[in-house]
Amino acid sequence: MTILAFGYIRRSSYKQQENNSVEIQKAHIQEFARRKGMEVPNDFIFIEDVTSAFSKRASKRKELMLMQQMMIESNIPRVIFYEESRMDRTGYTFVLDFYRPLSEKLPDIEVYTTNSDEPFNPDHPQTKIALLLYRMDIRPGSKVPYGYDQIDKKLVPNENAEIVTFIYFLQSWGMSMAKIAAILNEAIFTNSYCQMSLSMFTI
């Protein structure tokens, strides 16, 4: 029995038209599918050309939304991306606009990237960190993101990493930055108030 899957390729700029980006992504997707015992027919591959995932949230990407609809209509719950950066650069709209609505229609959804044998899980801490890092577009010489330290050229979570993960969690459920800021400010105030109250009872 043939196990069919969809594939999604995103080329973000005109510059990438010159570096075989589509061919590279397609080759990795096809190889991953073969290794997992799946088949991705050419007409099951959706190519989003010259589309930034920074400036366009997932719901505004035409091919991604078309693929979502095709997955629902065909009842095929599997799709393969080259990597998380092809899914999203905002840190949350892929989960909010694509993954969660699709999982409501296809409860057995399996979203893969070619760099992991495990299905994409938006609630896994490592997934949240990966999407956040792609949002920050970490490159050599760029500023180390909040919540991380750079040790031996690697990003290592520090004591503020949990705050970053919490911000991602709130964004993934559609909360605005203003609402998130209000929640964080309230948490800081409450924590400071509790510490002050406890100090009154300290001998």
N, C-alpha and C. Protein backbone atom coordinates (compact mmCIF):
# COMPACT_ATOMS: atom_id res chain seq x y z
N MET A 1 0.84 -1.20 0.00
CA MET A 1 0.00 0.00 0.00
C MET A 1 0.88 1.25 0.00
N THR A 2 0.61 2.16 -0.92
CA THR A 2 1.38 3.39 -1.02
C THR A 2 0.93 4.40 0.03
N ILE A 3 1.88 4.91 0.80
CA ILE A 3 1.58 5.94 1.80
C ILE A 3 1.92 7.29 1.19
N LEU A 4 0.90 8.05 0.86
CA LEU A 4 1.11 9.33 0.19
C LEU A 4 1.34 10.45 1.20
N ALA A 5 2.13 11.41 0.79
CA ALA A 5 2.39 12.58 1.62
C ALA A 5 2.53 13.79 0.71
N PHE A 6 2.28 14.96 1.27
CA PHE A 6 2.47 16.21 0.56
C PHE A 6 3.87 16.75 0.87
N GLY A 7 4.34 17.65 0.05
CA GLY A 7 5.61 18.33 0.30
C GLY A 7 5.42 19.83 0.10
N TYR A 8 6.11 20.62 0.91
CA TYR A 8 5.99 22.08 0.80
C TYR A 8 7.38 22.69 0.70
N ILE A 9 7.55 23.54 -0.31
CA ILE A 9 8.83 24.21 -0.54
C ILE A 9 8.57 25.72 -0.56
N ARG A 10 9.41 26.44 0.16
CA ARG A 10 9.28 27.91 0.14
C ARG A 10 10.63 28.52 -0.22
N ARG A 11 10.61 29.35 -1.25
CA ARG A 11 11.80 30.11 -1.63
C ARG A 11 11.52 31.56 -1.27
N SER A 12 12.32 32.12 -0.39
CA SER A 12 11.96 33.39 0.22
C SER A 12 12.33 34.63 -0.56
N SER A 13 13.27 34.53 -1.51
CA SER A 13 13.71 35.74 -2.20
C SER A 13 14.14 35.45 -3.63
N TYR A 14 14.28 36.51 -4.41
CA TYR A 14 14.77 36.37 -5.79
C TYR A 14 16.20 35.84 -5.80
N LYS A 15 16.96 36.19 -4.76
CA LYS A 15 18.34 35.73 -4.67
C LYS A 15 18.41 34.21 -4.65
N GLN A 16 17.44 33.58 -3.96
CA GLN A 16 17.43 32.12 -3.86
C GLN A 16 17.05 31.45 -5.17
N GLN A 17 16.54 32.23 -6.14
CA GLN A 17 16.23 31.66 -7.45
C GLN A 17 17.50 31.24 -8.19
N GLU A 18 18.63 31.78 -7.72
CA GLU A 18 19.90 31.50 -8.39
C GLU A 18 20.72 30.41 -7.71
N ASN A 19 20.24 29.89 -6.59
CA ASN A 19 21.07 28.93 -5.84
C ASN A 19 20.44 27.54 -5.72
N ASN A 20 19.55 27.20 -6.63
CA ASN A 20 18.93 25.86 -6.66
C ASN A 20 18.18 25.52 -5.38
N SER A 21 17.63 26.54 -4.71
CA SER A 21 16.94 26.31 -3.44
C SER A 21 15.79 25.32 -3.58
N VAL A 22 14.98 25.48 -4.64
CA VAL A 22 13.82 24.59 -4.82
C VAL A 22 14.28 23.16 -5.05
N GLU A 23 15.28 22.97 -5.91
CA GLU A 23 15.77 21.63 -6.22
C GLU A 23 16.36 20.95 -4.98
N ILE A 24 17.08 21.72 -4.17
CA ILE A 24 17.68 21.17 -2.95
C ILE A 24 16.59 20.73 -1.97
N GLN A 25 15.62 21.60 -1.76
CA GLN A 25 14.53 21.26 -0.84
C GLN A 25 13.75 20.03 -1.33
N LYS A 26 13.46 20.01 -2.63
CA LYS A 26 12.71 18.89 -3.20
C LYS A 26 13.47 17.58 -3.05
N ALA A 27 14.78 17.59 -3.31
CA ALA A 27 15.59 16.38 -3.19
C ALA A 27 15.58 15.85 -1.76
N HIS A 28 15.70 16.75 -0.81
CA HIS A 28 15.69 16.33 0.60
C HIS A 28 14.32 15.77 1.00
N ILE A 29 13.26 16.40 0.54
CA ILE A 29 11.91 15.93 0.85
C ILE A 29 11.67 14.55 0.26
N GLN A 30 12.05 14.35 -1.00
CA GLN A 30 11.85 13.06 -1.66
C GLN A 30 12.68 11.97 -0.99
N GLU A 31 13.91 12.28 -0.61
CA GLU A 31 14.76 11.29 0.05
C GLU A 31 14.20 10.92 1.42
N PHE A 32 13.73 11.92 2.16
CA PHE A 32 13.12 11.67 3.46
C PHE A 32 11.90 10.77 3.32
N ALA A 33 11.06 11.07 2.31
CA ALA A 33 9.85 10.27 2.08
C ALA A 33 10.21 8.82 1.79
N ARG A 34 11.20 8.59 0.93
CA ARG A 34 11.61 7.22 0.62
C ARG A 34 12.09 6.50 1.87
N ARG A 35 12.86 7.20 2.67
CA ARG A 35 13.40 6.59 3.90
C ARG A 35 12.29 6.21 4.88
N LYS A 36 11.20 6.97 4.86
CA LYS A 36 10.08 6.72 5.77
C LYS A 36 9.00 5.84 5.13
N GLY A 37 9.25 5.34 3.92
CA GLY A 37 8.28 4.49 3.24
C GLY A 37 7.09 5.25 2.69
N MET A 38 7.30 6.51 2.36
CA MET A 38 6.23 7.35 1.80
C MET A 38 6.53 7.69 0.35
N GLU A 39 5.52 8.23 -0.31
CA GLU A 39 5.69 8.72 -1.68
C GLU A 39 5.11 10.11 -1.79
N VAL A 40 5.88 11.03 -2.38
CA VAL A 40 5.41 12.39 -2.60
C VAL A 40 5.37 12.65 -4.10
N PRO A 41 4.21 12.46 -4.73
CA PRO A 41 4.10 12.72 -6.18
C PRO A 41 4.40 14.18 -6.50
N ASN A 42 4.85 14.45 -7.69
CA ASN A 42 5.20 15.83 -8.08
C ASN A 42 4.03 16.79 -7.92
N ASP A 43 2.81 16.31 -8.22
CA ASP A 43 1.66 17.20 -8.09
C ASP A 43 1.19 17.35 -6.64
N PHE A 44 1.89 16.71 -5.72
CA PHE A 44 1.61 16.87 -4.29
C PHE A 44 2.62 17.82 -3.64
N ILE A 45 3.51 18.39 -4.45
CA ILE A 45 4.50 19.32 -3.94
C ILE A 45 4.05 20.75 -4.24
N PHE A 46 3.95 21.56 -3.22
CA PHE A 46 3.51 22.94 -3.36
C PHE A 46 4.72 23.86 -3.17
N ILE A 47 4.91 24.76 -4.14
CA ILE A 47 6.06 25.65 -4.13
C ILE A 47 5.59 27.09 -3.93
N GLU A 48 6.03 27.69 -2.83
CA GLU A 48 5.72 29.09 -2.52
C GLU A 48 6.95 29.90 -2.96
N ASP A 49 6.84 30.58 -4.09
CA ASP A 49 8.02 31.22 -4.67
C ASP A 49 8.12 32.70 -4.28
N VAL A 50 9.34 33.11 -3.94
CA VAL A 50 9.66 34.49 -3.57
C VAL A 50 8.65 35.02 -2.55
N THR A 51 8.57 34.32 -1.45
CA THR A 51 7.62 34.67 -0.40
C THR A 51 8.33 34.67 0.95
N SER A 52 8.35 35.81 1.59
CA SER A 52 8.97 35.93 2.90
C SER A 52 8.02 35.46 3.99
N ALA A 53 8.53 34.64 4.91
CA ALA A 53 7.72 34.22 6.04
C ALA A 53 7.87 35.19 7.21
N PHE A 54 8.71 36.22 7.03
CA PHE A 54 8.77 37.30 8.01
C PHE A 54 7.61 38.26 7.80
N SER A 55 7.42 38.68 6.55
CA SER A 55 6.42 39.70 6.24
C SER A 55 5.03 39.11 5.98
N LYS A 56 4.95 37.82 5.66
CA LYS A 56 3.66 37.19 5.41
C LYS A 56 3.41 36.08 6.41
N ARG A 57 2.37 36.24 7.22
CA ARG A 57 2.01 35.17 8.14
C ARG A 57 1.48 33.98 7.35
N ALA A 58 1.37 32.85 7.99
CA ALA A 58 1.02 31.60 7.30
C ALA A 58 -0.30 31.71 6.53
N SER A 59 -1.29 32.36 7.11
CA SER A 59 -2.61 32.44 6.47
C SER A 59 -2.59 33.25 5.18
N LYS A 60 -1.53 34.04 4.95
CA LYS A 60 -1.42 34.87 3.76
C LYS A 60 -0.58 34.21 2.67
N ARG A 61 -0.07 33.01 2.96
CA ARG A 61 0.73 32.31 1.95
C ARG A 61 -0.19 31.40 1.15
N LYS A 62 -0.36 31.76 -0.11
CA LYS A 62 -1.36 31.12 -0.97
C LYS A 62 -1.16 29.62 -1.11
N GLU A 63 0.07 29.18 -1.41
CA GLU A 63 0.32 27.76 -1.64
C GLU A 63 0.18 26.95 -0.36
N LEU A 64 0.58 27.51 0.76
CA LEU A 64 0.44 26.80 2.04
C LEU A 64 -1.03 26.57 2.37
N MET A 65 -1.85 27.59 2.14
CA MET A 65 -3.28 27.45 2.43
C MET A 65 -3.96 26.51 1.43
N LEU A 66 -3.49 26.53 0.18
CA LEU A 66 -4.03 25.62 -0.83
C LEU A 66 -3.68 24.18 -0.47
N MET A 67 -2.46 23.96 -0.01
CA MET A 67 -2.06 22.62 0.40
C MET A 67 -2.87 22.15 1.61
N GLN A 68 -3.11 23.05 2.55
CA GLN A 68 -3.92 22.71 3.71
C GLN A 68 -5.31 22.21 3.28
N GLN A 69 -5.91 22.93 2.33
CA GLN A 69 -7.22 22.54 1.83
C GLN A 69 -7.18 21.20 1.10
N MET A 70 -6.13 20.98 0.31
CA MET A 70 -5.97 19.72 -0.42
C MET A 70 -5.79 18.55 0.54
N MET A 71 -5.07 18.77 1.62
CA MET A 71 -4.88 17.72 2.62
C MET A 71 -6.21 17.32 3.25
N ILE A 72 -7.03 18.32 3.52
CA ILE A 72 -8.34 18.04 4.12
C ILE A 72 -9.24 17.30 3.13
N GLU A 73 -9.28 17.77 1.88
CA GLU A 73 -10.15 17.17 0.87
C GLU A 73 -9.73 15.74 0.52
N SER A 74 -8.42 15.49 0.50
CA SER A 74 -7.93 14.16 0.14
C SER A 74 -7.81 13.23 1.35
N ASN A 75 -7.98 13.81 2.54
CA ASN A 75 -7.84 13.05 3.79
C ASN A 75 -6.45 12.40 3.91
N ILE A 76 -5.45 13.12 3.44
CA ILE A 76 -4.06 12.68 3.57
C ILE A 76 -3.40 13.58 4.61
N PRO A 77 -3.08 13.05 5.78
CA PRO A 77 -2.65 13.90 6.89
C PRO A 77 -1.15 14.13 6.99
N ARG A 78 -0.40 13.75 5.96
CA ARG A 78 1.07 13.82 6.06
C ARG A 78 1.63 14.89 5.13
N VAL A 79 2.60 15.66 5.65
CA VAL A 79 3.28 16.66 4.85
C VAL A 79 4.72 16.79 5.34
N ILE A 80 5.62 17.04 4.39
CA ILE A 80 7.05 17.13 4.70
C ILE A 80 7.58 18.50 4.29
N PHE A 81 8.28 19.15 5.20
CA PHE A 81 8.96 20.41 4.95
C PHE A 81 10.47 20.15 5.00
N TYR A 82 11.22 21.00 4.35
CA TYR A 82 12.68 20.87 4.37
C TYR A 82 13.21 21.11 5.79
N GLU A 83 12.79 22.20 6.42
CA GLU A 83 13.16 22.49 7.80
C GLU A 83 12.16 23.48 8.38
N GLU A 84 12.29 23.78 9.68
CA GLU A 84 11.33 24.65 10.34
C GLU A 84 11.28 26.06 9.73
N SER A 85 12.41 26.53 9.21
CA SER A 85 12.42 27.88 8.63
C SER A 85 11.53 27.98 7.39
N ARG A 86 11.27 26.85 6.72
CA ARG A 86 10.37 26.86 5.57
C ARG A 86 8.92 26.93 6.03
N MET A 87 8.66 26.52 7.28
CA MET A 87 7.32 26.61 7.84
C MET A 87 6.98 28.04 8.23
N ASP A 88 7.93 28.67 8.95
CA ASP A 88 7.59 29.92 9.60
C ASP A 88 8.84 30.73 9.93
N ARG A 89 8.66 32.05 9.97
CA ARG A 89 9.70 32.94 10.49
C ARG A 89 9.12 33.88 11.53
N THR A 90 7.80 33.79 11.76
CA THR A 90 7.18 34.66 12.76
C THR A 90 7.27 34.06 14.15
N GLY A 91 7.44 32.75 14.23
CA GLY A 91 7.51 32.08 15.52
C GLY A 91 6.21 31.47 15.98
N TYR A 92 5.08 31.82 15.31
CA TYR A 92 3.81 31.30 15.81
C TYR A 92 2.70 31.15 14.78
N THR A 93 2.73 31.87 13.64
CA THR A 93 1.57 31.84 12.74
C THR A 93 1.39 30.50 12.04
N PHE A 94 2.49 29.75 11.83
CA PHE A 94 2.34 28.42 11.23
C PHE A 94 1.48 27.54 12.12
N VAL A 95 1.74 27.58 13.41
CA VAL A 95 0.97 26.78 14.37
C VAL A 95 -0.47 27.27 14.42
N LEU A 96 -0.64 28.58 14.48
CA LEU A 96 -1.97 29.17 14.65
C LEU A 96 -2.83 29.05 13.39
N ASP A 97 -2.23 29.29 12.22
CA ASP A 97 -3.01 29.35 10.97
C ASP A 97 -3.07 28.02 10.22
N PHE A 98 -2.03 27.21 10.35
CA PHE A 98 -1.95 25.98 9.56
C PHE A 98 -2.13 24.72 10.42
N TYR A 99 -1.28 24.56 11.41
CA TYR A 99 -1.23 23.29 12.14
C TYR A 99 -2.49 23.03 12.96
N ARG A 100 -2.88 23.97 13.80
CA ARG A 100 -4.03 23.71 14.69
C ARG A 100 -5.35 23.57 13.93
N PRO A 101 -5.66 24.43 12.93
CA PRO A 101 -6.89 24.20 12.16
C PRO A 101 -6.87 22.87 11.42
N LEU A 102 -5.69 22.47 10.91
CA LEU A 102 -5.59 21.20 10.19
C LEU A 102 -5.76 20.02 11.14
N SER A 103 -5.21 20.12 12.35
CA SER A 103 -5.32 19.02 13.31
C SER A 103 -6.76 18.82 13.77
N GLU A 104 -7.58 19.88 13.67
CA GLU A 104 -8.99 19.73 14.02
C GLU A 104 -9.72 18.90 12.97
N LYS A 105 -9.32 19.03 11.71
CA LYS A 105 -9.93 18.28 10.61
C LYS A 105 -9.29 16.91 10.44
N LEU A 106 -7.98 16.82 10.70
CA LEU A 106 -7.23 15.57 10.55
C LEU A 106 -6.50 15.27 11.86
N PRO A 107 -7.18 14.64 12.80
CA PRO A 107 -6.59 14.40 14.12
C PRO A 107 -5.29 13.58 14.08
N ASP A 108 -5.10 12.77 13.04
CA ASP A 108 -3.89 11.95 12.94
C ASP A 108 -2.81 12.63 12.10
N ILE A 109 -2.81 13.94 12.09
CA ILE A 109 -1.87 14.73 11.30
C ILE A 109 -0.42 14.37 11.62
N GLU A 110 0.41 14.32 10.55
CA GLU A 110 1.84 14.08 10.70
C GLU A 110 2.58 15.10 9.87
N VAL A 111 3.18 16.07 10.53
CA VAL A 111 3.98 17.10 9.86
C VAL A 111 5.44 16.80 10.16
N TYR A 112 6.25 16.68 9.11
CA TYR A 112 7.67 16.34 9.28
C TYR A 112 8.57 17.42 8.71
N THR A 113 9.79 17.47 9.24
CA THR A 113 10.88 18.18 8.60
C THR A 113 11.94 17.14 8.29
N THR A 114 12.75 17.43 7.27
CA THR A 114 13.71 16.41 6.83
C THR A 114 14.86 16.22 7.82
N ASN A 115 14.94 17.07 8.84
CA ASN A 115 16.02 16.92 9.82
C ASN A 115 15.59 16.21 11.10
N SER A 116 14.40 15.60 11.08
CA SER A 116 13.94 14.86 12.27
C SER A 116 13.01 13.72 11.85
N ASP A 117 13.20 12.56 12.45
CA ASP A 117 12.32 11.41 12.16
C ASP A 117 11.01 11.50 12.92
N GLU A 118 10.96 12.36 13.93
CA GLU A 118 9.75 12.49 14.74
C GLU A 118 8.82 13.55 14.14
N PRO A 119 7.51 13.33 14.20
CA PRO A 119 6.57 14.34 13.69
C PRO A 119 6.70 15.66 14.45
N PHE A 120 6.42 16.75 13.77
CA PHE A 120 6.43 18.08 14.34
C PHE A 120 5.45 18.16 15.50
N ASN A 121 5.92 18.66 16.64
CA ASN A 121 5.07 18.82 17.81
C ASN A 121 5.20 20.26 18.31
N PRO A 122 4.20 21.10 18.07
CA PRO A 122 4.33 22.52 18.43
C PRO A 122 4.43 22.78 19.92
N ASP A 123 4.09 21.78 20.73
CA ASP A 123 4.14 21.96 22.18
C ASP A 123 5.46 21.49 22.80
N HIS A 124 6.34 20.90 21.96
CA HIS A 124 7.62 20.44 22.48
C HIS A 124 8.56 21.63 22.66
N PRO A 125 9.25 21.72 23.80
CA PRO A 125 10.15 22.87 24.05
C PRO A 125 11.18 23.09 22.95
N GLN A 126 11.75 22.01 22.41
CA GLN A 126 12.77 22.17 21.37
C GLN A 126 12.18 22.76 20.10
N THR A 127 10.93 22.41 19.80
CA THR A 127 10.26 22.97 18.63
C THR A 127 10.04 24.46 18.82
N LYS A 128 9.61 24.85 20.00
CA LYS A 128 9.38 26.27 20.30
C LYS A 128 10.67 27.06 20.16
N ILE A 129 11.75 26.51 20.68
CA ILE A 129 13.04 27.18 20.59
C ILE A 129 13.48 27.31 19.14
N ALA A 130 13.31 26.23 18.36
CA ALA A 130 13.71 26.26 16.95
C ALA A 130 12.96 27.34 16.18
N LEU A 131 11.65 27.43 16.38
CA LEU A 131 10.86 28.44 15.67
C LEU A 131 11.25 29.85 16.11
N LEU A 132 11.54 30.01 17.39
CA LEU A 132 11.96 31.32 17.88
C LEU A 132 13.29 31.74 17.27
N LEU A 133 14.21 30.78 17.18
CA LEU A 133 15.52 31.10 16.61
C LEU A 133 15.41 31.45 15.14
N TYR A 134 14.53 30.75 14.41
CA TYR A 134 14.34 31.10 13.00
C TYR A 134 13.68 32.47 12.87
N ARG A 135 12.83 32.81 13.84
CA ARG A 135 12.22 34.14 13.83
C ARG A 135 13.29 35.22 14.00
N MET A 136 14.27 34.94 14.86
CA MET A 136 15.33 35.92 15.12
C MET A 136 16.38 35.93 14.02
N ASP A 137 16.32 34.92 13.13
CA ASP A 137 17.22 34.85 11.98
C ASP A 137 18.67 34.91 12.43
N ILE A 138 19.08 33.95 13.28
CA ILE A 138 20.42 33.95 13.83
C ILE A 138 21.45 33.70 12.74
N ARG A 139 22.41 34.61 12.60
CA ARG A 139 23.48 34.49 11.63
C ARG A 139 24.79 34.87 12.30
N PRO A 140 25.94 34.48 11.73
CA PRO A 140 27.23 34.86 12.30
C PRO A 140 27.34 36.37 12.47
N GLY A 141 27.72 36.79 13.68
CA GLY A 141 27.88 38.21 13.95
C GLY A 141 26.62 38.89 14.44
N SER A 142 25.48 38.18 14.44
CA SER A 142 24.24 38.80 14.89
C SER A 142 24.17 38.79 16.41
N LYS A 143 23.28 39.59 16.95
CA LYS A 143 23.12 39.73 18.39
C LYS A 143 22.57 38.44 18.99
N VAL A 144 23.12 38.05 20.14
CA VAL A 144 22.63 36.85 20.83
C VAL A 144 21.23 37.14 21.35
N PRO A 145 20.24 36.28 21.03
CA PRO A 145 18.86 36.54 21.42
C PRO A 145 18.64 36.46 22.93
N TYR A 146 17.64 37.19 23.40
CA TYR A 146 17.27 37.17 24.81
C TYR A 146 16.93 35.75 25.24
N GLY A 147 17.42 35.36 26.41
CA GLY A 147 17.15 34.03 26.93
C GLY A 147 18.24 33.02 26.61
N TYR A 148 19.30 33.48 25.91
CA TYR A 148 20.37 32.57 25.50
C TYR A 148 21.74 33.22 25.70
N ASP A 149 22.73 32.39 25.95
CA ASP A 149 24.13 32.80 25.98
C ASP A 149 24.85 32.07 24.86
N GLN A 150 25.88 32.70 24.35
CA GLN A 150 26.68 32.04 23.30
C GLN A 150 27.96 31.48 23.92
N ILE A 151 28.07 30.16 23.88
CA ILE A 151 29.22 29.46 24.45
C ILE A 151 29.81 28.55 23.38
N ASP A 152 31.08 28.77 23.05
CA ASP A 152 31.74 27.98 22.00
C ASP A 152 30.94 28.00 20.70
N LYS A 153 30.45 29.21 20.35
CA LYS A 153 29.71 29.43 19.10
C LYS A 153 28.37 28.70 19.05
N LYS A 154 27.87 28.28 20.22
CA LYS A 154 26.56 27.63 20.31
C LYS A 154 25.66 28.42 21.25
N LEU A 155 24.35 28.44 20.93
CA LEU A 155 23.39 29.11 21.80
C LEU A 155 22.96 28.17 22.91
N VAL A 156 23.11 28.64 24.14
CA VAL A 156 22.76 27.83 25.32
C VAL A 156 21.71 28.58 26.12
N PRO A 157 20.57 27.91 26.46
CA PRO A 157 19.53 28.59 27.24
C PRO A 157 20.08 29.07 28.59
N ASN A 158 19.68 30.28 29.00
CA ASN A 158 20.05 30.77 30.32
C ASN A 158 18.81 30.87 31.20
N GLU A 159 18.90 31.61 32.31
CA GLU A 159 17.79 31.64 33.27
C GLU A 159 16.54 32.32 32.72
N ASN A 160 16.66 33.03 31.61
CA ASN A 160 15.50 33.71 31.01
C ASN A 160 14.86 32.92 29.87
N ALA A 161 15.38 31.75 29.55
CA ALA A 161 14.87 30.96 28.43
C ALA A 161 13.41 30.57 28.62
N GLU A 162 13.02 30.30 29.86
CA GLU A 162 11.63 29.89 30.11
C GLU A 162 10.65 31.03 29.77
N ILE A 163 11.09 32.26 29.96
CA ILE A 163 10.25 33.41 29.61
C ILE A 163 10.01 33.45 28.10
N VAL A 164 11.08 33.19 27.34
CA VAL A 164 10.97 33.18 25.88
C VAL A 164 10.00 32.10 25.43
N THR A 165 10.11 30.91 26.03
CA THR A 165 9.21 29.80 25.69
C THR A 165 7.77 30.15 26.03
N PHE A 166 7.59 30.82 27.16
CA PHE A 166 6.24 31.22 27.59
C PHE A 166 5.64 32.23 26.61
N ILE A 167 6.47 33.18 26.14
CA ILE A 167 6.00 34.16 25.16
C ILE A 167 5.55 33.46 23.88
N TYR A 168 6.36 32.48 23.43
CA TYR A 168 5.98 31.72 22.23
C TYR A 168 4.64 31.00 22.44
N PHE A 169 4.48 30.40 23.61
CA PHE A 169 3.24 29.67 23.91
C PHE A 169 2.04 30.60 23.80
N LEU A 170 2.14 31.79 24.38
CA LEU A 170 1.03 32.74 24.31
C LEU A 170 0.78 33.19 22.87
N GLN A 171 1.85 33.42 22.10
CA GLN A 171 1.68 33.82 20.70
C GLN A 171 1.02 32.72 19.88
N SER A 172 1.37 31.46 20.18
CA SER A 172 0.82 30.35 19.40
C SER A 172 -0.69 30.22 19.56
N TRP A 173 -1.24 30.84 20.61
CA TRP A 173 -2.69 30.84 20.81
C TRP A 173 -3.32 32.17 20.40
N GLY A 174 -2.55 32.98 19.66
CA GLY A 174 -3.12 34.17 19.05
C GLY A 174 -3.11 35.43 19.89
N MET A 175 -2.43 35.44 21.02
CA MET A 175 -2.39 36.63 21.86
C MET A 175 -1.49 37.69 21.22
N SER A 176 -1.93 38.94 21.28
CA SER A 176 -1.15 40.04 20.73
C SER A 176 0.05 40.33 21.62
N MET A 177 1.03 41.07 21.06
CA MET A 177 2.19 41.43 21.85
C MET A 177 1.80 42.33 23.03
N ALA A 178 0.78 43.19 22.82
CA ALA A 178 0.32 44.06 23.91
C ALA A 178 -0.25 43.24 25.06
N LYS A 179 -1.04 42.20 24.71
CA LYS A 179 -1.63 41.35 25.74
C LYS A 179 -0.55 40.56 26.48
N ILE A 180 0.42 40.07 25.72
CA ILE A 180 1.52 39.31 26.33
C ILE A 180 2.31 40.20 27.27
N ALA A 181 2.58 41.43 26.84
CA ALA A 181 3.31 42.38 27.69
C ALA A 181 2.54 42.64 28.98
N ALA A 182 1.22 42.76 28.87
CA ALA A 182 0.39 43.01 30.06
C ALA A 182 0.47 41.82 31.02
N ILE A 183 0.44 40.60 30.47
CA ILE A 183 0.51 39.40 31.30
C ILE A 183 1.86 39.33 32.01
N LEU A 184 2.94 39.61 31.28
CA LEU A 184 4.28 39.57 31.88
C LEU A 184 4.45 40.64 32.94
N ASN A 185 3.94 41.84 32.66
CA ASN A 185 4.03 42.92 33.65
C ASN A 185 3.25 42.58 34.91
N GLU A 186 2.07 41.96 34.73
CA GLU A 186 1.27 41.56 35.88
C GLU A 186 1.98 40.49 36.69
N ALA A 187 2.63 39.56 35.99
CA ALA A 187 3.37 38.50 36.68
C ALA A 187 4.53 39.07 37.48
N ILE A 188 5.23 40.04 36.90
CA ILE A 188 6.36 40.68 37.60
C ILE A 188 5.86 41.42 38.83
N PHE A 189 4.74 42.15 38.68
CA PHE A 189 4.18 42.90 39.81
C PHE A 189 3.73 41.94 40.92
N THR A 190 3.04 40.86 40.52
CA THR A 190 2.54 39.89 41.51
C THR A 190 3.71 39.24 42.25
N ASN A 191 4.75 38.86 41.50
CA ASN A 191 5.91 38.23 42.10
C ASN A 191 6.60 39.18 43.08
N SER A 192 6.75 40.45 42.69
CA SER A 192 7.39 41.44 43.56
C SER A 192 6.56 41.67 44.81
N TYR A 193 5.22 41.71 44.65
CA TYR A 193 4.33 41.92 45.79
C TYR A 193 4.42 40.76 46.77
N CYS A 194 4.46 39.52 46.24
CA CYS A 194 4.56 38.34 47.10
C CYS A 194 5.88 38.33 47.86
N GLN A 195 6.97 38.70 47.17
CA GLN A 195 8.27 38.72 47.83
C GLN A 195 8.30 39.77 48.94
N MET A 196 7.66 40.93 48.67
CA MET A 196 7.60 41.98 49.66
C MET A 196 6.78 41.54 50.88
N SER A 197 5.66 40.84 50.60
CA SER A 197 4.80 40.36 51.69
C SER A 197 5.52 39.34 52.55
N LEU A 198 6.24 38.43 51.90
CA LEU A 198 6.98 37.41 52.64
C LEU A 198 8.08 38.02 53.50
N SER A 199 8.71 39.09 52.99
CA SER A 199 9.79 39.72 53.74
C SER A 199 9.30 40.32 55.05
N MET A 200 8.02 40.67 55.09
CA MET A 200 7.45 41.26 56.31
C MET A 200 7.40 40.25 57.45
N PHE A 201 7.38 38.95 57.09
CA PHE A 201 7.28 37.90 58.10
C PHE A 201 8.65 37.28 58.40
N THR A 202 9.69 37.79 57.75
CA THR A 202 11.03 37.26 57.95
C THR A 202 11.64 37.85 59.20
N ILE A 203 12.13 37.00 60.08
CA ILE A 203 12.72 37.47 61.35
C ILE A 203 14.20 37.75 61.12
